[in-house]
Amino acid sequence: MGTFTADGLSVAIENGKIRTEREGRAKKFIDEVEQITFSGEYALKQGKLPMYVTERCVFTLTPKGLVLSEVAPGICIEKDILANMAFTPVIDSPKNMDTCIFEEMQMDLKA
């Protein structure tokens, strides 16, 4: 879990939707990293499907690649996600993230 970009990101939540006010300067979904602290490839070999949860979307790592599985309300896939990635994920009818995440109300998690 973490933000989609870093170093200066500013977002606002209004009327149950998220809006990017200022994009972070550092992109996180890049082609190559300096250090590996978690191996998605290894997790897949162990039968796991890792998820990467950000404020604007959720990705699931599958054998066919990184899949955009959920998008937050108010987010444009082209402008807010793809324009800030160094590669294109698999996009196959992503679901909408639950709007209650972006509203000021009790979520009743115990139930």
N, C-alpha and C. Protein backbone atom coordinates (compact mmCIF):
# COMPACT_ATOMS: atom_id res chain seq x y z
N MET A 1 0.84 -1.17 0.00
CA MET A 1 0.00 0.00 0.00
C MET A 1 0.88 1.23 0.00
N GLY A 2 0.41 2.22 -0.69
CA GLY A 2 1.11 3.49 -0.73
C GLY A 2 0.51 4.37 -1.81
N THR A 3 1.10 5.53 -1.97
CA THR A 3 0.60 6.44 -3.01
C THR A 3 1.13 6.02 -4.37
N PHE A 4 0.43 6.44 -5.41
CA PHE A 4 0.78 6.07 -6.78
C PHE A 4 2.10 6.73 -7.21
N THR A 5 2.28 7.99 -6.84
CA THR A 5 3.54 8.70 -7.08
C THR A 5 4.02 9.26 -5.75
N ALA A 6 5.22 9.80 -5.73
CA ALA A 6 5.78 10.34 -4.48
C ALA A 6 6.43 11.69 -4.75
N ASP A 7 6.86 12.33 -3.68
CA ASP A 7 7.59 13.60 -3.75
C ASP A 7 6.74 14.73 -4.31
N GLY A 8 5.80 15.17 -3.49
CA GLY A 8 5.00 16.33 -3.87
C GLY A 8 3.56 16.03 -4.22
N LEU A 9 3.14 14.76 -4.15
CA LEU A 9 1.76 14.41 -4.50
C LEU A 9 0.79 15.11 -3.56
N SER A 10 -0.26 15.68 -4.13
CA SER A 10 -1.34 16.28 -3.35
C SER A 10 -2.66 15.86 -3.97
N VAL A 11 -3.54 15.28 -3.15
CA VAL A 11 -4.85 14.85 -3.63
C VAL A 11 -5.93 15.44 -2.73
N ALA A 12 -7.13 15.54 -3.29
CA ALA A 12 -8.28 16.01 -2.53
C ALA A 12 -9.41 15.01 -2.73
N ILE A 13 -10.22 14.89 -1.70
CA ILE A 13 -11.40 14.03 -1.80
C ILE A 13 -12.61 14.91 -1.62
N GLU A 14 -13.46 14.93 -2.65
CA GLU A 14 -14.66 15.77 -2.63
C GLU A 14 -15.82 14.99 -3.21
N ASN A 15 -16.95 15.01 -2.50
CA ASN A 15 -18.17 14.36 -2.98
C ASN A 15 -17.94 12.89 -3.36
N GLY A 16 -17.16 12.19 -2.55
CA GLY A 16 -16.94 10.76 -2.77
C GLY A 16 -16.00 10.43 -3.92
N LYS A 17 -15.27 11.43 -4.42
CA LYS A 17 -14.33 11.20 -5.52
C LYS A 17 -12.97 11.77 -5.14
N ILE A 18 -11.93 11.15 -5.70
CA ILE A 18 -10.57 11.63 -5.47
C ILE A 18 -10.12 12.45 -6.67
N ARG A 19 -9.38 13.50 -6.37
CA ARG A 19 -8.87 14.37 -7.43
C ARG A 19 -7.40 14.66 -7.15
N THR A 20 -6.57 14.51 -8.17
CA THR A 20 -5.15 14.82 -8.03
C THR A 20 -4.96 16.31 -8.21
N GLU A 21 -4.51 17.00 -7.15
CA GLU A 21 -4.26 18.43 -7.24
C GLU A 21 -2.87 18.70 -7.81
N ARG A 22 -1.90 17.91 -7.36
CA ARG A 22 -0.53 18.04 -7.85
C ARG A 22 0.07 16.64 -7.89
N GLU A 23 0.56 16.25 -9.05
CA GLU A 23 1.16 14.93 -9.21
C GLU A 23 2.53 14.89 -8.55
N GLY A 24 2.88 13.75 -7.98
CA GLY A 24 4.21 13.58 -7.41
C GLY A 24 5.27 13.53 -8.50
N ARG A 25 6.46 13.99 -8.17
CA ARG A 25 7.55 14.02 -9.16
C ARG A 25 8.17 12.65 -9.39
N ALA A 26 8.08 11.78 -8.41
CA ALA A 26 8.71 10.45 -8.51
C ALA A 26 7.68 9.40 -8.86
N LYS A 27 7.86 8.76 -10.00
CA LYS A 27 6.98 7.68 -10.42
C LYS A 27 7.43 6.37 -9.78
N LYS A 28 6.48 5.57 -9.36
CA LYS A 28 6.79 4.31 -8.70
C LYS A 28 6.66 3.09 -9.61
N PHE A 29 5.79 3.17 -10.61
CA PHE A 29 5.59 2.05 -11.52
C PHE A 29 6.51 2.25 -12.72
N ILE A 30 7.76 1.77 -12.53
CA ILE A 30 8.83 1.98 -13.51
C ILE A 30 9.34 0.64 -14.01
N ASP A 31 10.20 0.69 -15.03
CA ASP A 31 10.71 -0.54 -15.64
C ASP A 31 11.78 -1.24 -14.81
N GLU A 32 12.57 -0.48 -14.08
CA GLU A 32 13.72 -1.06 -13.37
C GLU A 32 13.90 -0.36 -12.03
N VAL A 33 14.21 -1.13 -10.98
CA VAL A 33 14.42 -0.56 -9.66
C VAL A 33 15.85 -0.82 -9.19
N GLU A 34 16.28 -0.03 -8.21
CA GLU A 34 17.64 -0.20 -7.66
C GLU A 34 17.73 -1.38 -6.71
N GLN A 35 16.66 -1.61 -5.95
CA GLN A 35 16.69 -2.66 -4.93
C GLN A 35 15.34 -3.37 -4.90
N ILE A 36 15.37 -4.68 -4.77
CA ILE A 36 14.14 -5.45 -4.67
C ILE A 36 13.92 -5.83 -3.21
N THR A 37 12.81 -5.34 -2.65
CA THR A 37 12.48 -5.69 -1.26
C THR A 37 11.34 -6.71 -1.21
N PHE A 38 10.64 -6.86 -2.32
CA PHE A 38 9.57 -7.85 -2.44
C PHE A 38 9.59 -8.36 -3.88
N SER A 39 9.58 -9.66 -4.05
CA SER A 39 9.60 -10.23 -5.38
C SER A 39 8.22 -10.76 -5.76
N GLY A 40 7.55 -10.01 -6.62
CA GLY A 40 6.26 -10.45 -7.12
C GLY A 40 6.38 -11.74 -7.90
N GLU A 41 7.46 -11.88 -8.64
CA GLU A 41 7.70 -13.09 -9.42
C GLU A 41 7.78 -14.32 -8.51
N TYR A 42 8.50 -14.19 -7.40
CA TYR A 42 8.62 -15.28 -6.43
C TYR A 42 7.25 -15.59 -5.82
N ALA A 43 6.50 -14.54 -5.47
CA ALA A 43 5.17 -14.74 -4.88
C ALA A 43 4.26 -15.50 -5.84
N LEU A 44 4.32 -15.16 -7.13
CA LEU A 44 3.51 -15.88 -8.12
C LEU A 44 3.88 -17.36 -8.15
N LYS A 45 5.17 -17.65 -8.08
CA LYS A 45 5.62 -19.05 -8.09
C LYS A 45 5.11 -19.81 -6.86
N GLN A 46 4.84 -19.07 -5.79
CA GLN A 46 4.33 -19.68 -4.56
C GLN A 46 2.79 -19.76 -4.57
N GLY A 47 2.17 -19.40 -5.70
CA GLY A 47 0.72 -19.46 -5.82
C GLY A 47 -0.02 -18.25 -5.28
N LYS A 48 0.68 -17.18 -5.01
CA LYS A 48 0.06 -15.96 -4.49
C LYS A 48 -0.23 -15.00 -5.64
N LEU A 49 -1.20 -14.13 -5.45
CA LEU A 49 -1.51 -13.06 -6.41
C LEU A 49 -1.34 -11.74 -5.68
N PRO A 50 -0.14 -11.16 -5.70
CA PRO A 50 0.12 -9.92 -4.97
C PRO A 50 -0.77 -8.77 -5.48
N MET A 51 -1.17 -7.92 -4.54
CA MET A 51 -1.94 -6.73 -4.88
C MET A 51 -1.14 -5.50 -4.49
N TYR A 52 -1.24 -4.48 -5.32
CA TYR A 52 -0.59 -3.19 -5.08
C TYR A 52 -1.71 -2.17 -4.98
N VAL A 53 -1.93 -1.64 -3.77
CA VAL A 53 -3.05 -0.75 -3.49
C VAL A 53 -2.54 0.67 -3.35
N THR A 54 -3.11 1.58 -4.16
CA THR A 54 -2.76 3.00 -4.07
C THR A 54 -4.03 3.82 -3.84
N GLU A 55 -3.86 5.12 -3.71
CA GLU A 55 -5.02 5.98 -3.48
C GLU A 55 -5.93 6.07 -4.71
N ARG A 56 -5.41 5.74 -5.88
CA ARG A 56 -6.21 5.90 -7.10
C ARG A 56 -6.56 4.61 -7.81
N CYS A 57 -5.88 3.52 -7.48
CA CYS A 57 -6.18 2.25 -8.15
C CYS A 57 -5.55 1.08 -7.41
N VAL A 58 -5.96 -0.10 -7.85
CA VAL A 58 -5.42 -1.35 -7.32
C VAL A 58 -4.95 -2.18 -8.50
N PHE A 59 -3.75 -2.73 -8.37
CA PHE A 59 -3.22 -3.66 -9.37
C PHE A 59 -3.11 -5.04 -8.73
N THR A 60 -3.29 -6.07 -9.54
CA THR A 60 -3.06 -7.45 -9.10
C THR A 60 -2.02 -8.05 -10.04
N LEU A 61 -0.99 -8.66 -9.48
CA LEU A 61 0.02 -9.33 -10.29
C LEU A 61 -0.46 -10.74 -10.57
N THR A 62 -0.59 -11.08 -11.84
CA THR A 62 -1.06 -12.41 -12.25
C THR A 62 -0.03 -13.00 -13.21
N PRO A 63 -0.18 -14.25 -13.58
CA PRO A 63 0.74 -14.84 -14.56
C PRO A 63 0.75 -14.10 -15.90
N LYS A 64 -0.34 -13.39 -16.24
CA LYS A 64 -0.35 -12.65 -17.51
C LYS A 64 0.21 -11.23 -17.37
N GLY A 65 0.61 -10.85 -16.16
CA GLY A 65 1.23 -9.54 -15.93
C GLY A 65 0.50 -8.74 -14.88
N LEU A 66 0.87 -7.47 -14.76
CA LEU A 66 0.25 -6.56 -13.80
C LEU A 66 -1.09 -6.10 -14.36
N VAL A 67 -2.17 -6.41 -13.63
CA VAL A 67 -3.52 -6.13 -14.10
C VAL A 67 -4.10 -4.97 -13.29
N LEU A 68 -4.62 -3.98 -13.99
CA LEU A 68 -5.35 -2.90 -13.33
C LEU A 68 -6.71 -3.47 -12.95
N SER A 69 -6.92 -3.70 -11.65
CA SER A 69 -8.13 -4.41 -11.23
C SER A 69 -9.20 -3.50 -10.66
N GLU A 70 -8.82 -2.34 -10.09
CA GLU A 70 -9.81 -1.41 -9.54
C GLU A 70 -9.34 0.02 -9.77
N VAL A 71 -10.32 0.91 -9.96
CA VAL A 71 -10.02 2.34 -10.17
C VAL A 71 -10.90 3.15 -9.22
N ALA A 72 -10.33 4.16 -8.59
CA ALA A 72 -11.07 5.01 -7.66
C ALA A 72 -12.02 5.94 -8.40
N PRO A 73 -13.13 6.30 -7.76
CA PRO A 73 -14.04 7.24 -8.38
C PRO A 73 -13.35 8.60 -8.60
N GLY A 74 -13.56 9.18 -9.78
CA GLY A 74 -12.95 10.46 -10.11
C GLY A 74 -11.63 10.34 -10.85
N ILE A 75 -11.10 9.13 -10.96
CA ILE A 75 -9.80 8.91 -11.60
C ILE A 75 -9.99 8.56 -13.07
N CYS A 76 -9.21 9.22 -13.93
CA CYS A 76 -9.19 8.92 -15.36
C CYS A 76 -8.02 7.96 -15.62
N ILE A 77 -8.31 6.80 -16.17
CA ILE A 77 -7.26 5.80 -16.40
C ILE A 77 -6.13 6.37 -17.24
N GLU A 78 -6.45 7.02 -18.33
CA GLU A 78 -5.41 7.57 -19.23
C GLU A 78 -4.57 8.63 -18.54
N LYS A 79 -5.22 9.65 -17.99
CA LYS A 79 -4.53 10.83 -17.45
C LYS A 79 -3.89 10.58 -16.09
N ASP A 80 -4.59 9.91 -15.21
CA ASP A 80 -4.13 9.77 -13.83
C ASP A 80 -3.32 8.50 -13.56
N ILE A 81 -3.46 7.50 -14.42
CA ILE A 81 -2.74 6.23 -14.19
C ILE A 81 -1.70 6.00 -15.29
N LEU A 82 -2.15 5.76 -16.50
CA LEU A 82 -1.22 5.39 -17.58
C LEU A 82 -0.17 6.46 -17.86
N ALA A 83 -0.54 7.74 -17.77
CA ALA A 83 0.41 8.82 -18.04
C ALA A 83 1.52 8.88 -17.00
N ASN A 84 1.33 8.19 -15.87
CA ASN A 84 2.32 8.22 -14.79
C ASN A 84 2.98 6.87 -14.56
N MET A 85 2.96 6.02 -15.59
CA MET A 85 3.61 4.72 -15.53
C MET A 85 4.60 4.60 -16.68
N ALA A 86 5.66 3.84 -16.47
CA ALA A 86 6.66 3.62 -17.52
C ALA A 86 6.27 2.47 -18.44
N PHE A 87 5.19 1.77 -18.12
CA PHE A 87 4.74 0.63 -18.92
C PHE A 87 3.22 0.60 -18.86
N THR A 88 2.61 -0.20 -19.71
CA THR A 88 1.16 -0.31 -19.73
C THR A 88 0.75 -1.63 -19.08
N PRO A 89 -0.10 -1.55 -18.05
CA PRO A 89 -0.57 -2.79 -17.42
C PRO A 89 -1.65 -3.44 -18.28
N VAL A 90 -2.03 -4.64 -17.90
CA VAL A 90 -3.16 -5.31 -18.54
C VAL A 90 -4.43 -4.60 -18.05
N ILE A 91 -5.27 -4.19 -18.98
CA ILE A 91 -6.53 -3.52 -18.62
C ILE A 91 -7.67 -4.32 -19.21
N ASP A 92 -8.44 -4.95 -18.32
CA ASP A 92 -9.54 -5.79 -18.76
C ASP A 92 -10.74 -5.55 -17.85
N SER A 93 -11.47 -4.49 -18.10
CA SER A 93 -12.68 -4.14 -17.34
C SER A 93 -12.43 -4.01 -15.84
N PRO A 94 -11.59 -3.05 -15.43
CA PRO A 94 -11.36 -2.88 -13.99
C PRO A 94 -12.65 -2.46 -13.28
N LYS A 95 -12.79 -2.91 -12.04
CA LYS A 95 -13.95 -2.55 -11.21
C LYS A 95 -13.73 -1.16 -10.63
N ASN A 96 -14.81 -0.56 -10.17
CA ASN A 96 -14.71 0.69 -9.43
C ASN A 96 -14.40 0.37 -7.97
N MET A 97 -13.49 1.13 -7.37
CA MET A 97 -13.24 0.97 -5.94
C MET A 97 -14.51 1.38 -5.20
N ASP A 98 -14.75 0.79 -4.06
CA ASP A 98 -15.94 1.09 -3.27
C ASP A 98 -15.94 2.57 -2.89
N THR A 99 -17.01 3.28 -3.21
CA THR A 99 -17.08 4.72 -2.96
C THR A 99 -17.06 5.06 -1.47
N CYS A 100 -17.45 4.13 -0.61
CA CYS A 100 -17.45 4.44 0.82
C CYS A 100 -16.05 4.73 1.35
N ILE A 101 -15.03 4.27 0.64
CA ILE A 101 -13.64 4.56 1.03
C ILE A 101 -13.37 6.06 0.97
N PHE A 102 -14.08 6.76 0.09
CA PHE A 102 -13.81 8.17 -0.17
C PHE A 102 -14.89 9.08 0.40
N GLU A 103 -15.65 8.59 1.37
CA GLU A 103 -16.68 9.38 2.02
C GLU A 103 -16.42 9.42 3.51
N GLU A 104 -16.86 10.51 4.14
CA GLU A 104 -16.70 10.64 5.59
C GLU A 104 -17.89 10.00 6.27
N MET A 105 -17.75 8.71 6.53
CA MET A 105 -18.80 7.98 7.20
C MET A 105 -18.18 6.72 7.81
N GLN A 106 -18.86 6.14 8.76
CA GLN A 106 -18.39 4.89 9.32
C GLN A 106 -18.61 3.80 8.31
N MET A 107 -17.61 2.92 8.17
CA MET A 107 -17.67 1.87 7.17
C MET A 107 -18.24 0.57 7.73
N ASP A 108 -18.45 0.49 9.04
CA ASP A 108 -19.00 -0.69 9.69
C ASP A 108 -18.18 -1.94 9.34
N LEU A 109 -16.87 -1.85 9.54
CA LEU A 109 -15.97 -2.94 9.18
C LEU A 109 -16.20 -4.21 9.99
N LYS A 110 -16.68 -4.07 11.24
CA LYS A 110 -16.93 -5.27 12.06
C LYS A 110 -17.98 -6.16 11.42
N ALA A 111 -18.99 -5.56 10.85
CA ALA A 111 -20.08 -6.34 10.24
C ALA A 111 -19.53 -7.02 9.00
